[in-house]
Amino acid sequence: TKDAANDALDLNGTRRIHEVTQESITTILVTTLVAGLRFPVASSIIGVVNLFGRWIFASAIGRNMGATNARRTGEAINTVSILGQILLAFAAGVRLYRGK
């Protein structure tokens, strides 16, 4: 039936959002913690950008939009923010190691 098909699409979208979040949550939390030791404001800003990208991605999937520009935009924002957080955590680690 049509309701069962819509329920299946909703469940698939929810599972997809959950899986993508699980894949990156450890990285973003650990790098935010490490980067926040030396660069708390920048780390917080990147964390908010990551949440914004995740929200765009989830809202696109939640509306069954599939492979749209909104989903791709959310993925891109999320990927760039994770990369930025990794680089910031590396810089914080180097500064902590050098004692600066």
C-alpha atoms as a PDB file:
ATOM      1  CA  THR A   1       0.000   0.000   0.000  1.00  0.00           C
ATOM      2  CA  LYS A   2       0.951   3.612  -0.358  1.00  0.00           C
ATOM      3  CA  ASP A   3       1.182   4.229   3.411  1.00  0.00           C
ATOM      4  CA  ALA A   4       3.511   1.258   3.864  1.00  0.00           C
ATOM      5  CA  ALA A   5       5.733   2.535   1.053  1.00  0.00           C
ATOM      6  CA  ASN A   6       5.896   6.010   2.624  1.00  0.00           C
ATOM      7  CA  ASP A   7       6.676   4.487   6.024  1.00  0.00           C
ATOM      8  CA  ALA A   8       9.483   2.455   4.453  1.00  0.00           C
ATOM      9  CA  LEU A   9      10.939   5.579   2.836  1.00  0.00           C
ATOM     10  CA  ASP A  10      10.763   7.459   6.131  1.00  0.00           C
ATOM     11  CA  LEU A  11      12.463   4.603   7.976  1.00  0.00           C
ATOM     12  CA  ASN A  12      15.164   4.354   5.311  1.00  0.00           C
ATOM     13  CA  GLY A  13      15.824   8.099   5.513  1.00  0.00           C
ATOM     14  CA  THR A  14      15.998   8.007   9.304  1.00  0.00           C
ATOM     15  CA  ARG A  15      18.403   5.068   9.269  1.00  0.00           C
ATOM     16  CA  ARG A  16      20.554   6.812   6.697  1.00  0.00           C
ATOM     17  CA  ILE A  17      20.782  10.000   8.759  1.00  0.00           C
ATOM     18  CA  HIS A  18      21.648   7.965  11.849  1.00  0.00           C
ATOM     19  CA  GLU A  19      24.341   5.963  10.044  1.00  0.00           C
ATOM     20  CA  VAL A  20      26.030   9.013   8.547  1.00  0.00           C
ATOM     21  CA  THR A  21      25.990  10.726  11.953  1.00  0.00           C
ATOM     22  CA  GLN A  22      27.507   7.685  13.642  1.00  0.00           C
ATOM     23  CA  GLU A  23      30.313   7.582  11.087  1.00  0.00           C
ATOM     24  CA  SER A  24      31.571  11.049  11.972  1.00  0.00           C
ATOM     25  CA  ILE A  25      30.513  11.728  15.557  1.00  0.00           C
ATOM     26  CA  THR A  26      33.633  10.260  17.175  1.00  0.00           C
ATOM     27  CA  THR A  27      35.958  12.245  14.939  1.00  0.00           C
ATOM     28  CA  ILE A  28      34.161  15.529  15.444  1.00  0.00           C
ATOM     29  CA  LEU A  29      33.874  15.129  19.229  1.00  0.00           C
ATOM     30  CA  VAL A  30      37.507  14.138  19.809  1.00  0.00           C
ATOM     31  CA  THR A  31      38.933  16.784  17.493  1.00  0.00           C
ATOM     32  CA  THR A  32      36.667  19.444  19.015  1.00  0.00           C
ATOM     33  CA  LEU A  33      37.948  18.522  22.468  1.00  0.00           C
ATOM     34  CA  VAL A  34      41.621  18.557  21.444  1.00  0.00           C
ATOM     35  CA  ALA A  35      41.356  21.694  19.303  1.00  0.00           C
ATOM     36  CA  GLY A  36      39.357  23.430  22.020  1.00  0.00           C
ATOM     37  CA  LEU A  37      42.303  23.234  24.397  1.00  0.00           C
ATOM     38  CA  ARG A  38      44.186  25.877  22.386  1.00  0.00           C
ATOM     39  CA  PHE A  39      41.579  27.339  20.033  1.00  0.00           C
ATOM     40  CA  PRO A  40      38.241  27.280  21.893  1.00  0.00           C
ATOM     41  CA  VAL A  41      36.435  29.903  19.830  1.00  0.00           C
ATOM     42  CA  ALA A  42      37.525  28.576  16.437  1.00  0.00           C
ATOM     43  CA  SER A  43      36.761  25.015  17.520  1.00  0.00           C
ATOM     44  CA  SER A  44      33.286  26.022  18.682  1.00  0.00           C
ATOM     45  CA  ILE A  45      32.578  27.848  15.435  1.00  0.00           C
ATOM     46  CA  ILE A  46      33.636  24.831  13.380  1.00  0.00           C
ATOM     47  CA  GLY A  47      31.424  22.641  15.584  1.00  0.00           C
ATOM     48  CA  VAL A  48      28.427  24.864  14.896  1.00  0.00           C
ATOM     49  CA  VAL A  49      29.197  24.776  11.165  1.00  0.00           C
ATOM     50  CA  ASN A  50      29.277  20.983  11.392  1.00  0.00           C
ATOM     51  CA  LEU A  51      25.873  20.942  13.074  1.00  0.00           C
ATOM     52  CA  PHE A  52      24.508  23.270  10.400  1.00  0.00           C
ATOM     53  CA  GLY A  53      25.759  20.928   7.652  1.00  0.00           C
ATOM     54  CA  ARG A  54      24.278  17.946   9.459  1.00  0.00           C
ATOM     55  CA  TRP A  55      20.940  19.779   9.735  1.00  0.00           C
ATOM     56  CA  ILE A  56      20.889  20.566   6.007  1.00  0.00           C
ATOM     57  CA  PHE A  57      21.710  16.937   5.193  1.00  0.00           C
ATOM     58  CA  ALA A  58      19.076  15.558   7.577  1.00  0.00           C
ATOM     59  CA  SER A  59      16.356  17.905   6.386  1.00  0.00           C
ATOM     60  CA  ALA A  60      17.022  16.965   2.750  1.00  0.00           C
ATOM     61  CA  ILE A  61      16.885  13.235   3.523  1.00  0.00           C
ATOM     62  CA  GLY A  62      13.892  13.680   5.842  1.00  0.00           C
ATOM     63  CA  ARG A  63      11.880  15.268   3.047  1.00  0.00           C
ATOM     64  CA  ASN A  64      12.738  12.319   0.765  1.00  0.00           C
ATOM     65  CA  MET A  65      14.675  14.603  -1.527  1.00  0.00           C
ATOM     66  CA  GLY A  66      17.307  11.946  -2.212  1.00  0.00           C
ATOM     67  CA  ALA A  67      20.394  13.032  -4.140  1.00  0.00           C
ATOM     68  CA  THR A  68      19.615  16.722  -4.328  1.00  0.00           C
ATOM     69  CA  ASN A  69      21.784  19.777  -4.090  1.00  0.00           C
ATOM     70  CA  ALA A  70      20.648  20.306  -0.490  1.00  0.00           C
ATOM     71  CA  ARG A  71      21.917  16.884   0.547  1.00  0.00           C
ATOM     72  CA  ARG A  72      25.177  17.371  -1.299  1.00  0.00           C
ATOM     73  CA  THR A  73      25.596  20.812   0.249  1.00  0.00           C
ATOM     74  CA  GLY A  74      25.072  19.379   3.724  1.00  0.00           C
ATOM     75  CA  GLU A  75      27.603  16.626   3.050  1.00  0.00           C
ATOM     76  CA  ALA A  76      30.134  19.145   1.735  1.00  0.00           C
ATOM     77  CA  ILE A  77      29.744  21.443   4.744  1.00  0.00           C
ATOM     78  CA  ASN A  78      30.093  18.472   7.085  1.00  0.00           C
ATOM     79  CA  THR A  79      33.208  17.169   5.307  1.00  0.00           C
ATOM     80  CA  VAL A  80      34.925  20.567   5.220  1.00  0.00           C
ATOM     81  CA  SER A  81      34.130  21.220   8.887  1.00  0.00           C
ATOM     82  CA  ILE A  82      35.541  17.830   9.923  1.00  0.00           C
ATOM     83  CA  LEU A  83      38.694  18.490   7.913  1.00  0.00           C
ATOM     84  CA  GLY A  84      39.010  21.937   9.488  1.00  0.00           C
ATOM     85  CA  GLN A  85      38.559  20.485  12.959  1.00  0.00           C
ATOM     86  CA  ILE A  86      41.218  17.815  12.279  1.00  0.00           C
ATOM     87  CA  LEU A  87      43.700  20.464  11.103  1.00  0.00           C
ATOM     88  CA  LEU A  88      42.908  22.667  14.092  1.00  0.00           C
ATOM     89  CA  ALA A  89      43.376  19.721  16.481  1.00  0.00           C
ATOM     90  CA  PHE A  90      46.718  18.942  14.845  1.00  0.00           C
ATOM     91  CA  ALA A  91      47.821  22.565  15.245  1.00  0.00           C
ATOM     92  CA  ALA A  92      46.696  22.515  18.890  1.00  0.00           C
ATOM     93  CA  GLY A  93      48.620  19.299  19.487  1.00  0.00           C
ATOM     94  CA  VAL A  94      51.784  20.759  18.000  1.00  0.00           C
ATOM     95  CA  ARG A  95      51.442  23.923  20.094  1.00  0.00           C
ATOM     96  CA  LEU A  96      50.797  21.916  23.249  1.00  0.00           C
ATOM     97  CA  TYR A  97      53.797  19.703  22.509  1.00  0.00           C
ATOM     98  CA  ARG A  98      56.059  22.716  22.034  1.00  0.00           C
ATOM     99  CA  GLY A  99      54.715  24.301  25.201  1.00  0.00           C
ATOM    100  CA  LYS A 100      53.346  27.429  23.560  1.00  0.00           C
END
